[in-house]
N, C-alpha and C. Protein backbone atom coordinates (compact mmCIF):
# COMPACT_ATOMS: atom_id res chain seq x y z
N MET A 1 0.85 -1.17 0.00
CA MET A 1 0.00 0.00 0.00
C MET A 1 0.90 1.25 0.00
N LYS A 2 0.60 2.17 -0.91
CA LYS A 2 1.37 3.41 -1.00
C LYS A 2 0.82 4.41 0.00
N ARG A 3 1.74 5.18 0.58
CA ARG A 3 1.37 6.26 1.49
C ARG A 3 1.90 7.57 0.96
N LEU A 4 1.15 8.62 1.20
CA LEU A 4 1.58 9.95 0.80
C LEU A 4 2.52 10.50 1.86
N THR A 5 3.80 10.64 1.51
CA THR A 5 4.80 11.16 2.43
C THR A 5 5.62 12.22 1.73
N LYS A 6 6.30 13.05 2.53
CA LYS A 6 7.21 14.03 1.95
C LYS A 6 8.42 13.28 1.39
N SER A 7 8.91 13.74 0.28
CA SER A 7 10.06 13.11 -0.35
C SER A 7 11.33 13.42 0.43
N ALA A 8 12.15 12.38 0.60
CA ALA A 8 13.42 12.56 1.31
C ALA A 8 14.54 12.96 0.36
N HIS A 9 14.42 12.59 -0.91
CA HIS A 9 15.51 12.85 -1.85
C HIS A 9 15.15 13.80 -2.98
N ASP A 10 13.88 14.02 -3.25
CA ASP A 10 13.46 14.90 -4.34
C ASP A 10 12.74 16.10 -3.76
N LYS A 11 13.50 16.95 -3.07
CA LYS A 11 12.86 18.11 -2.46
C LYS A 11 13.66 19.37 -2.76
N ILE A 12 12.92 20.45 -2.90
CA ILE A 12 13.55 21.75 -3.09
C ILE A 12 13.30 22.59 -1.83
N LEU A 13 12.08 22.63 -1.38
CA LEU A 13 11.76 23.42 -0.19
C LEU A 13 11.52 22.48 1.00
N LEU A 14 10.40 21.80 1.00
CA LEU A 14 10.07 20.91 2.12
C LEU A 14 9.76 19.48 1.68
N GLY A 15 9.74 19.21 0.39
CA GLY A 15 9.52 17.86 -0.11
C GLY A 15 8.08 17.49 -0.39
N VAL A 16 7.17 18.47 -0.27
CA VAL A 16 5.75 18.19 -0.48
C VAL A 16 5.47 17.85 -1.94
N CYS A 17 5.91 18.68 -2.86
CA CYS A 17 5.66 18.42 -4.29
C CYS A 17 6.36 17.14 -4.74
N GLY A 18 7.56 16.90 -4.23
CA GLY A 18 8.27 15.67 -4.56
C GLY A 18 7.53 14.44 -4.05
N GLY A 19 6.97 14.54 -2.86
CA GLY A 19 6.19 13.43 -2.31
C GLY A 19 4.91 13.18 -3.08
N ILE A 20 4.24 14.24 -3.49
CA ILE A 20 3.03 14.09 -4.30
C ILE A 20 3.37 13.45 -5.64
N ALA A 21 4.48 13.87 -6.23
CA ALA A 21 4.91 13.31 -7.51
C ALA A 21 5.24 11.83 -7.37
N GLU A 22 5.92 11.44 -6.31
CA GLU A 22 6.23 10.03 -6.10
C GLU A 22 4.96 9.22 -5.91
N TYR A 23 4.01 9.77 -5.17
CA TYR A 23 2.75 9.07 -4.92
C TYR A 23 1.96 8.86 -6.20
N LEU A 24 1.93 9.88 -7.06
CA LEU A 24 1.17 9.79 -8.31
C LEU A 24 1.94 9.13 -9.44
N GLY A 25 3.26 9.00 -9.27
CA GLY A 25 4.08 8.43 -10.33
C GLY A 25 4.39 9.42 -11.44
N TRP A 26 4.38 10.70 -11.12
CA TRP A 26 4.66 11.76 -12.07
C TRP A 26 6.06 12.30 -11.85
N ASP A 27 6.50 13.13 -12.79
CA ASP A 27 7.76 13.84 -12.62
C ASP A 27 7.54 15.00 -11.66
N ALA A 28 8.48 15.20 -10.74
CA ALA A 28 8.32 16.25 -9.73
C ALA A 28 8.29 17.65 -10.34
N THR A 29 8.97 17.84 -11.46
CA THR A 29 8.97 19.15 -12.11
C THR A 29 7.57 19.52 -12.57
N ILE A 30 6.83 18.57 -13.08
CA ILE A 30 5.46 18.84 -13.55
C ILE A 30 4.57 19.21 -12.37
N VAL A 31 4.72 18.51 -11.26
CA VAL A 31 3.91 18.83 -10.08
C VAL A 31 4.25 20.23 -9.59
N ARG A 32 5.52 20.59 -9.61
CA ARG A 32 5.92 21.93 -9.17
C ARG A 32 5.38 23.01 -10.09
N ILE A 33 5.41 22.77 -11.39
CA ILE A 33 4.88 23.75 -12.34
C ILE A 33 3.38 23.92 -12.14
N ILE A 34 2.67 22.82 -11.96
CA ILE A 34 1.23 22.89 -11.71
C ILE A 34 0.96 23.67 -10.42
N PHE A 35 1.76 23.42 -9.39
CA PHE A 35 1.58 24.13 -8.13
C PHE A 35 1.81 25.63 -8.29
N VAL A 36 2.85 26.01 -9.03
CA VAL A 36 3.14 27.43 -9.21
C VAL A 36 2.00 28.13 -9.95
N PHE A 37 1.50 27.51 -11.03
CA PHE A 37 0.38 28.12 -11.75
C PHE A 37 -0.87 28.19 -10.87
N ALA A 38 -1.12 27.14 -10.10
CA ALA A 38 -2.29 27.15 -9.21
C ALA A 38 -2.14 28.20 -8.12
N ALA A 39 -0.92 28.38 -7.61
CA ALA A 39 -0.70 29.39 -6.58
C ALA A 39 -0.90 30.80 -7.13
N ILE A 40 -0.48 31.02 -8.37
CA ILE A 40 -0.67 32.34 -8.98
C ILE A 40 -2.15 32.60 -9.25
N LEU A 41 -2.84 31.61 -9.81
CA LEU A 41 -4.25 31.79 -10.15
C LEU A 41 -5.15 31.74 -8.92
N GLY A 42 -4.73 31.02 -7.90
CA GLY A 42 -5.54 30.88 -6.69
C GLY A 42 -5.28 31.95 -5.65
N VAL A 43 -4.47 32.93 -5.98
CA VAL A 43 -4.17 34.07 -5.13
C VAL A 43 -3.72 33.61 -3.73
N GLY A 44 -2.79 32.66 -3.70
CA GLY A 44 -2.19 32.25 -2.44
C GLY A 44 -2.84 31.11 -1.72
N THR A 45 -3.99 30.66 -2.19
CA THR A 45 -4.66 29.55 -1.53
C THR A 45 -3.79 28.30 -1.54
N PHE A 46 -3.11 28.05 -2.63
CA PHE A 46 -2.26 26.87 -2.73
C PHE A 46 -0.99 27.00 -1.90
N VAL A 47 -0.57 28.21 -1.62
CA VAL A 47 0.57 28.41 -0.72
C VAL A 47 0.17 27.98 0.69
N LEU A 48 -1.01 28.35 1.11
CA LEU A 48 -1.53 27.91 2.41
C LEU A 48 -1.69 26.40 2.43
N LEU A 49 -2.21 25.82 1.36
CA LEU A 49 -2.35 24.36 1.26
C LEU A 49 -0.99 23.68 1.36
N TYR A 50 0.02 24.24 0.71
CA TYR A 50 1.38 23.68 0.77
C TYR A 50 1.89 23.68 2.21
N LEU A 51 1.68 24.77 2.92
CA LEU A 51 2.14 24.84 4.31
C LEU A 51 1.41 23.84 5.20
N VAL A 52 0.13 23.68 4.98
CA VAL A 52 -0.65 22.70 5.76
C VAL A 52 -0.15 21.29 5.46
N LEU A 53 0.06 20.99 4.18
CA LEU A 53 0.59 19.67 3.82
C LEU A 53 1.98 19.43 4.39
N ALA A 54 2.80 20.47 4.42
CA ALA A 54 4.15 20.34 4.97
C ALA A 54 4.09 19.99 6.46
N ILE A 55 3.07 20.44 7.14
CA ILE A 55 2.93 20.16 8.56
C ILE A 55 2.36 18.76 8.80
N ILE A 56 1.34 18.37 8.01
CA ILE A 56 0.65 17.11 8.33
C ILE A 56 1.21 15.88 7.61
N MET A 57 1.95 16.07 6.52
CA MET A 57 2.49 14.91 5.80
C MET A 57 3.68 14.34 6.57
N PRO A 58 3.71 13.02 6.78
CA PRO A 58 4.85 12.43 7.46
C PRO A 58 6.07 12.38 6.54
N ARG A 59 7.25 12.30 7.13
CA ARG A 59 8.48 12.18 6.35
C ARG A 59 8.60 10.76 5.82
N ALA A 60 9.28 10.63 4.70
CA ALA A 60 9.50 9.30 4.11
C ALA A 60 10.50 8.52 4.91
C-alpha cells in the first residue's frame, strides 16, 4: 500500500511536491509547475495548502 509522504531525496523546499509526484508516479517538475500556476491563479490559496501539507504529511 502506497502512502503519501514528503520526499526525502526529491525536495527543493520541504519535499511536499516531490512526495506528491512520487505518490502519483509523475515527474516532480510537472507537479511543481502545476503548483506554481495554481498558486498564482488561486491568489495564495495553494501556498496555504502547501504549508498545511508540509505540517501534516509524514516524512518518508
